[in-house]
Protein backbone atom coordinates (compact mmCIF):
# COMPACT_ATOMS: atom_id res chain seq x y z
CA MET A 1 42.80 -53.58 -87.30
CA ASN A 2 46.00 -55.55 -87.63
CA ASP A 3 49.42 -55.82 -85.99
CA GLU A 4 50.78 -52.84 -87.94
CA THR A 5 47.94 -50.63 -86.71
CA LEU A 6 48.34 -52.01 -83.20
CA ASP A 7 52.07 -51.21 -83.11
CA TYR A 8 51.42 -47.72 -84.49
CA LEU A 9 48.82 -46.96 -81.83
CA VAL A 10 50.80 -48.52 -78.98
CA GLU A 11 53.72 -46.20 -79.72
CA ARG A 12 51.51 -43.10 -79.69
CA ILE A 13 49.51 -44.12 -76.63
CA ASP A 14 52.75 -44.79 -74.75
CA GLN A 15 54.01 -41.33 -75.74
CA ALA A 16 50.81 -39.65 -74.58
CA GLN A 17 50.74 -41.50 -71.28
CA GLU A 18 54.41 -40.77 -70.64
CA LEU A 19 53.83 -37.09 -71.34
CA ILE A 20 50.88 -36.76 -68.95
CA GLY A 21 52.09 -39.33 -66.43
CA GLN A 22 48.75 -41.12 -66.35
CA PRO A 23 46.97 -43.94 -68.16
CA ILE A 24 44.43 -42.70 -70.67
CA LEU A 25 40.96 -44.01 -71.50
CA LEU A 26 40.37 -45.39 -74.98
CA GLU A 27 36.80 -45.39 -76.25
CA ASN A 28 35.41 -48.09 -78.51
CA ILE A 29 34.19 -46.35 -81.66
CA SER A 30 31.06 -46.56 -83.75
CA SER A 31 31.78 -48.38 -86.97
CA TYR A 32 29.80 -48.79 -90.17
CA MET A 33 32.17 -51.02 -92.12
CA ARG A 34 34.69 -53.75 -91.56
CA PHE A 35 38.11 -53.79 -93.18
CA ARG A 36 39.03 -56.78 -95.31
CA ASP A 37 42.60 -56.81 -93.95
CA SER A 38 41.60 -56.80 -90.28
CA THR A 39 43.06 -59.59 -88.24
CA TYR A 40 41.41 -58.48 -84.99
CA ASP A 41 37.82 -57.85 -84.03
CA GLU A 42 37.29 -54.71 -81.96
CA PRO A 43 37.31 -56.29 -78.47
CA SER A 44 40.49 -58.25 -79.27
CA PHE A 45 42.17 -55.16 -80.68
CA ILE A 46 41.29 -52.99 -77.70
CA ASN A 47 42.30 -55.79 -75.32
CA ALA A 48 45.70 -55.93 -77.02
CA LEU A 49 46.04 -52.14 -76.81
CA THR A 50 45.22 -52.03 -73.11
CA GLU A 51 47.46 -55.01 -72.31
CA ARG A 52 50.44 -53.49 -74.11
CA THR A 53 50.01 -49.89 -72.93
CA GLY A 54 48.31 -50.02 -69.53
CA ALA A 55 45.59 -47.72 -70.87
CA TYR A 56 41.98 -48.32 -69.87
CA VAL A 57 38.65 -48.45 -71.72
CA LEU A 58 35.88 -45.89 -71.69
CA MET A 59 33.16 -48.33 -72.69
CA ASP A 60 30.73 -46.65 -75.05
CA VAL A 61 27.80 -48.96 -74.46
CA ASN A 62 25.75 -47.39 -77.25
CA ASN A 63 28.55 -47.83 -79.79
CA LEU A 64 29.05 -51.42 -78.76
CA TRP A 65 25.32 -52.15 -79.03
CA ALA A 66 24.87 -50.35 -82.38
CA ASN A 67 27.95 -51.98 -83.92
CA ALA A 68 26.82 -55.43 -82.83
CA VAL A 69 23.28 -54.92 -84.14
CA ASN A 70 24.51 -53.36 -87.39
CA PHE A 71 26.82 -56.32 -88.05
CA GLY A 72 24.42 -59.04 -86.87
CA GLU A 73 26.39 -59.86 -83.72
CA ASN A 74 25.33 -60.36 -80.13
CA PRO A 75 25.98 -57.20 -78.05
CA LEU A 76 26.35 -59.08 -74.76
CA THR A 77 28.84 -61.52 -76.29
CA GLN A 78 30.83 -58.58 -77.64
CA LEU A 79 30.76 -56.84 -74.24
CA MET A 80 32.00 -59.91 -72.39
CA GLU A 81 35.00 -60.21 -74.71
CA TYR A 82 36.60 -57.10 -73.17
CA ARG A 83 39.09 -57.68 -70.38
CA GLN A 84 37.30 -57.17 -67.09
CA SER A 85 40.18 -55.19 -65.59
CA SER A 86 40.38 -52.73 -68.48
CA VAL A 87 37.06 -50.86 -68.22
CA ARG A 88 37.23 -47.68 -66.11
CA GLY A 89 34.28 -45.65 -67.37
CA TYR A 90 31.10 -45.71 -69.42
CA HIS A 91 29.58 -43.58 -72.13
CA LEU A 92 25.85 -43.62 -72.88
CA ALA A 93 24.04 -41.93 -75.73
CA GLY A 94 21.12 -42.43 -78.03
CA CYS A 95 21.49 -43.56 -81.60
CA THR A 96 19.28 -43.01 -84.61
CA ARG A 97 17.87 -45.78 -86.79
CA GLN A 98 18.08 -45.01 -90.50
CA GLN A 99 17.12 -46.93 -93.60
CA ALA A 100 20.20 -48.08 -95.50
CA GLY A 101 20.15 -50.42 -98.48
CA ASP A 102 18.00 -53.43 -97.67
CA GLY A 103 17.71 -52.76 -93.95
CA ASP A 104 18.19 -50.43 -91.04
CA VAL A 105 21.41 -49.15 -89.60
CA TYR A 106 21.94 -47.47 -86.23
CA ILE A 107 23.92 -44.23 -86.41
CA ASP A 108 25.79 -42.81 -83.41
CA TYR A 109 24.07 -39.42 -83.60
CA HIS A 110 23.46 -38.49 -79.95
CA GLY A 111 20.10 -37.04 -80.89
CA GLU A 112 17.68 -39.06 -78.78
CA ALA A 113 17.34 -40.85 -75.49
CA VAL A 114 19.33 -43.95 -74.64
CA HIS A 115 17.54 -47.02 -76.05
CA GLU A 116 16.13 -49.53 -73.55
CA THR A 117 18.33 -52.30 -74.93
CA VAL A 118 21.38 -50.09 -74.27
CA TRP A 119 20.20 -49.51 -70.69
CA ASP A 120 19.97 -53.30 -70.26
CA LEU A 121 23.48 -53.73 -71.62
CA TYR A 122 24.75 -50.92 -69.37
CA GLU A 123 23.37 -52.71 -66.32
CA LYS A 124 25.11 -55.92 -67.38
CA ALA A 125 28.34 -53.97 -67.94
CA LEU A 126 28.12 -52.47 -64.45
CA ARG A 127 27.65 -55.90 -62.94
CA HIS A 128 30.56 -57.36 -64.89
CA PHE A 129 33.12 -54.53 -64.95
CA GLY A 130 32.04 -52.63 -61.85
CA PRO A 131 30.59 -49.20 -61.14
CA TRP A 132 32.66 -46.55 -62.90
CA PRO A 133 31.90 -42.93 -63.82
CA THR A 134 29.33 -42.65 -66.59
CA LEU A 135 29.09 -39.92 -69.21
CA LEU A 136 25.71 -39.18 -70.79
CA GLU A 137 26.01 -37.50 -74.18
CA TRP A 138 23.10 -35.78 -75.92
CA GLU A 139 24.24 -33.09 -78.33
CA ASN A 140 21.66 -33.10 -81.16
CA HIS A 141 17.97 -32.39 -80.67
CA VAL A 142 18.76 -31.64 -77.03
CA PRO A 143 15.58 -31.88 -74.92
CA PRO A 144 14.64 -29.65 -72.02
CA LEU A 145 16.98 -29.99 -69.06
CA GLU A 146 14.34 -31.90 -67.08
CA ARG A 147 14.37 -34.73 -69.66
CA THR A 148 18.16 -34.97 -69.62
CA LEU A 149 18.15 -35.04 -65.83
CA GLN A 150 15.77 -38.02 -65.97
CA GLU A 151 18.47 -39.92 -67.87
CA VAL A 152 21.09 -38.80 -65.33
CA SER A 153 18.83 -39.98 -62.49
CA ARG A 154 18.53 -43.36 -64.14
CA ILE A 155 22.32 -43.65 -64.30
CA THR A 156 22.50 -42.74 -60.61
CA ARG A 157 19.88 -45.39 -59.74
CA TYR A 158 21.84 -48.07 -61.62
CA LEU A 159 25.04 -47.12 -59.84
CA ASN A 160 23.38 -46.88 -56.41
CA ASP A 161 21.40 -50.11 -56.81
CA LEU A 162 24.38 -52.17 -57.86
CA SER A 163 24.33 -55.01 -55.38
CA VAL A 164 26.29 -57.65 -57.30
CA ALA A 165 30.06 -57.56 -57.12
CA PRO A 166 32.01 -57.08 -60.37
CA GLY A 167 32.52 -60.33 -62.19
CA ALA A 168 29.23 -61.90 -61.15
CA THR A 169 27.37 -61.67 -64.44
């Protein structure tokens, strides 16, 4: 992630938004490596994209958490680096822990329930960025509908119980 990549993406995002006449949502990705030539970390890069294009962020809380844990960073610190006005939706999913080299790595597999630490981060995101639509993704090892609806009910409870205004973390 560098200025060249930023300029490239800004041009294409602007084209897409002009074509559809609406701002789009950009999702933070799961990442398993860092590029030597990067001059931006992910929050700074996405902040620059949203500032230059007027696009918004679909905050994938699981990706943010897994990336931070995989790279030895603090998930809450990473979350708070995003511009407060840019988040307009959330994405929740489960990730899978796998052995890799000398340790574990979390893979964005969508094959299990949302981890408790991701739920905690989601609640903090709601309190900081505000209540926005939330997508629950579970596409591998899909459980019975009743189990998935339990996760959906939990999302609904978090949204309904939100009693702190955005920005009051």
